[in-house]
């Protein structure tokens, strides 16, 4: 009887672990050209200051053309950029068009 209980507990433990592992990868990548500061801050290694720097570079350049451009943001080096790459995307439709100034 003790073995049955042990196997039942082990089975439940394995099933709960499998359910958690399956739900972790359910989020789609975050679009760098549409993300808010709050969404960026939810990423690993990104706090309030780095989120603000990302938004500043995005606004100054009219958006990102690729996730690799994230390395141009102060405080984001190659290691952090590689860690973030699977969590991000750049939607070409989301890129802002920079208006030419009229004389």
C-alpha atoms as a PDB file:
ATOM      1  CA  UNK A   1       0.000   0.000   0.000  1.00  0.00           C
ATOM      2  CA  UNK A   2       2.884   2.352   0.763  1.00  0.00           C
ATOM      3  CA  UNK A   3       4.326   1.769  -2.736  1.00  0.00           C
ATOM      4  CA  UNK A   4       1.030   2.682  -4.373  1.00  0.00           C
ATOM      5  CA  UNK A   5       0.934   5.959  -2.463  1.00  0.00           C
ATOM      6  CA  UNK A   6       4.555   6.719  -3.387  1.00  0.00           C
ATOM      7  CA  UNK A   7       3.919   6.061  -7.084  1.00  0.00           C
ATOM      8  CA  UNK A   8       0.780   8.187  -6.983  1.00  0.00           C
ATOM      9  CA  UNK A   9       2.700  11.110  -5.437  1.00  0.00           C
ATOM     10  CA  UNK A  10       5.536  10.715  -7.919  1.00  0.00           C
ATOM     11  CA  UNK A  11       3.097  10.682 -10.833  1.00  0.00           C
ATOM     12  CA  UNK A  12       1.369  13.851  -9.651  1.00  0.00           C
ATOM     13  CA  UNK A  13       4.706  15.560  -9.151  1.00  0.00           C
ATOM     14  CA  UNK A  14       5.834  14.681 -12.672  1.00  0.00           C
ATOM     15  CA  UNK A  15       2.555  15.829 -14.201  1.00  0.00           C
ATOM     16  CA  UNK A  16       2.677  19.196 -12.423  1.00  0.00           C
ATOM     17  CA  UNK A  17       6.257  19.739 -13.615  1.00  0.00           C
ATOM     18  CA  UNK A  18       5.323  18.907 -17.206  1.00  0.00           C
ATOM     19  CA  UNK A  19       2.380  21.327 -17.069  1.00  0.00           C
ATOM     20  CA  UNK A  20       4.616  24.145 -15.840  1.00  0.00           C
ATOM     21  CA  UNK A  21       7.264  23.450 -18.482  1.00  0.00           C
ATOM     22  CA  UNK A  22       4.637  23.567 -21.217  1.00  0.00           C
ATOM     23  CA  UNK A  23       3.222  26.912 -20.110  1.00  0.00           C
ATOM     24  CA  UNK A  24       6.591  28.716 -19.885  1.00  0.00           C
ATOM     25  CA  UNK A  25       7.149  28.947 -23.642  1.00  0.00           C
ATOM     26  CA  UNK A  26       3.622  30.128 -24.450  1.00  0.00           C
ATOM     27  CA  UNK A  27       4.434  33.858 -24.666  1.00  0.00           C
ATOM     28  CA  UNK A  28       5.074  35.205 -28.156  1.00  0.00           C
ATOM     29  CA  UNK A  29       8.173  37.344 -28.688  1.00  0.00           C
ATOM     30  CA  UNK A  30       7.873  41.016 -27.727  1.00  0.00           C
ATOM     31  CA  UNK A  31       8.061  43.509 -30.604  1.00  0.00           C
ATOM     32  CA  UNK A  32      10.855  45.997 -29.874  1.00  0.00           C
ATOM     33  CA  UNK A  33       9.146  48.682 -31.954  1.00  0.00           C
ATOM     34  CA  UNK A  34       5.864  48.500 -30.040  1.00  0.00           C
ATOM     35  CA  UNK A  35       6.908  47.515 -26.513  1.00  0.00           C
ATOM     36  CA  UNK A  36       6.117  49.796 -23.607  1.00  0.00           C
ATOM     37  CA  UNK A  37       8.569  50.564 -20.813  1.00  0.00           C
ATOM     38  CA  UNK A  38       6.650  48.223 -18.511  1.00  0.00           C
ATOM     39  CA  UNK A  39       6.859  45.350 -21.017  1.00  0.00           C
ATOM     40  CA  UNK A  40      10.588  45.910 -21.485  1.00  0.00           C
ATOM     41  CA  UNK A  41      11.165  45.998 -17.715  1.00  0.00           C
ATOM     42  CA  UNK A  42       9.605  42.535 -17.462  1.00  0.00           C
ATOM     43  CA  UNK A  43      12.466  41.115 -19.551  1.00  0.00           C
ATOM     44  CA  UNK A  44      15.420  39.535 -17.734  1.00  0.00           C
ATOM     45  CA  UNK A  45      18.254  41.986 -17.161  1.00  0.00           C
ATOM     46  CA  UNK A  46      16.174  45.031 -18.128  1.00  0.00           C
ATOM     47  CA  UNK A  47      15.232  47.517 -15.452  1.00  0.00           C
ATOM     48  CA  UNK A  48      13.805  50.999 -15.513  1.00  0.00           C
ATOM     49  CA  UNK A  49      17.023  52.666 -16.733  1.00  0.00           C
ATOM     50  CA  UNK A  50      17.713  50.212 -19.577  1.00  0.00           C
ATOM     51  CA  UNK A  51      14.067  50.264 -20.655  1.00  0.00           C
ATOM     52  CA  UNK A  52      14.235  54.062 -20.876  1.00  0.00           C
ATOM     53  CA  UNK A  53      17.478  53.810 -22.872  1.00  0.00           C
ATOM     54  CA  UNK A  54      15.874  51.345 -25.311  1.00  0.00           C
ATOM     55  CA  UNK A  55      12.926  53.683 -25.824  1.00  0.00           C
ATOM     56  CA  UNK A  56      15.255  56.662 -26.314  1.00  0.00           C
ATOM     57  CA  UNK A  57      17.273  54.852 -29.009  1.00  0.00           C
ATOM     58  CA  UNK A  58      14.067  53.628 -30.648  1.00  0.00           C
ATOM     59  CA  UNK A  59      12.600  57.141 -30.735  1.00  0.00           C
ATOM     60  CA  UNK A  60      15.835  58.743 -31.939  1.00  0.00           C
ATOM     61  CA  UNK A  61      16.267  56.268 -34.809  1.00  0.00           C
ATOM     62  CA  UNK A  62      12.640  55.843 -35.805  1.00  0.00           C
ATOM     63  CA  UNK A  63      12.588  52.259 -34.549  1.00  0.00           C
ATOM     64  CA  UNK A  64      14.727  49.149 -34.750  1.00  0.00           C
ATOM     65  CA  UNK A  65      15.373  47.244 -37.963  1.00  0.00           C
ATOM     66  CA  UNK A  66      16.693  44.146 -36.167  1.00  0.00           C
ATOM     67  CA  UNK A  67      17.059  42.755 -32.670  1.00  0.00           C
ATOM     68  CA  UNK A  68      20.841  42.953 -33.115  1.00  0.00           C
ATOM     69  CA  UNK A  69      20.583  46.767 -33.008  1.00  0.00           C
ATOM     70  CA  UNK A  70      19.788  46.415 -29.326  1.00  0.00           C
ATOM     71  CA  UNK A  71      23.541  46.276 -28.674  1.00  0.00           C
ATOM     72  CA  UNK A  72      23.706  49.978 -29.621  1.00  0.00           C
ATOM     73  CA  UNK A  73      21.777  50.773 -26.441  1.00  0.00           C
ATOM     74  CA  UNK A  74      23.998  51.867 -23.571  1.00  0.00           C
ATOM     75  CA  UNK A  75      24.196  49.127 -20.938  1.00  0.00           C
ATOM     76  CA  UNK A  76      23.261  46.270 -23.270  1.00  0.00           C
ATOM     77  CA  UNK A  77      26.243  44.221 -24.322  1.00  0.00           C
ATOM     78  CA  UNK A  78      26.540  41.128 -26.497  1.00  0.00           C
ATOM     79  CA  UNK A  79      25.802  38.687 -23.646  1.00  0.00           C
ATOM     80  CA  UNK A  80      22.541  40.374 -22.618  1.00  0.00           C
ATOM     81  CA  UNK A  81      21.515  40.870 -26.247  1.00  0.00           C
ATOM     82  CA  UNK A  82      21.967  37.128 -26.893  1.00  0.00           C
ATOM     83  CA  UNK A  83      19.913  36.316 -23.791  1.00  0.00           C
ATOM     84  CA  UNK A  84      17.104  38.607 -24.970  1.00  0.00           C
ATOM     85  CA  UNK A  85      17.153  37.630 -28.653  1.00  0.00           C
ATOM     86  CA  UNK A  86      14.699  34.688 -28.380  1.00  0.00           C
ATOM     87  CA  UNK A  87      12.299  36.873 -26.370  1.00  0.00           C
ATOM     88  CA  UNK A  88      12.177  39.720 -28.892  1.00  0.00           C
ATOM     89  CA  UNK A  89      11.255  40.396 -32.485  1.00  0.00           C
ATOM     90  CA  UNK A  90      11.195  43.395 -34.796  1.00  0.00           C
ATOM     91  CA  UNK A  91       8.043  43.787 -36.829  1.00  0.00           C
ATOM     92  CA  UNK A  92       8.778  45.847 -39.926  1.00  0.00           C
ATOM     93  CA  UNK A  93       5.184  47.117 -39.844  1.00  0.00           C
ATOM     94  CA  UNK A  94       5.815  48.557 -36.380  1.00  0.00           C
ATOM     95  CA  UNK A  95       8.824  50.633 -37.426  1.00  0.00           C
ATOM     96  CA  UNK A  96       8.042  54.343 -37.378  1.00  0.00           C
ATOM     97  CA  UNK A  97       8.752  56.428 -40.417  1.00  0.00           C
ATOM     98  CA  UNK A  98      10.968  59.386 -39.727  1.00  0.00           C
ATOM     99  CA  UNK A  99       9.415  62.522 -41.232  1.00  0.00           C
ATOM    100  CA  UNK A 100      11.655  64.819 -43.228  1.00  0.00           C
ATOM    101  CA  UNK A 101      11.611  68.348 -41.892  1.00  0.00           C
ATOM    102  CA  UNK A 102      10.230  71.055 -44.174  1.00  0.00           C
ATOM    103  CA  UNK A 103      12.406  74.139 -44.783  1.00  0.00           C
END
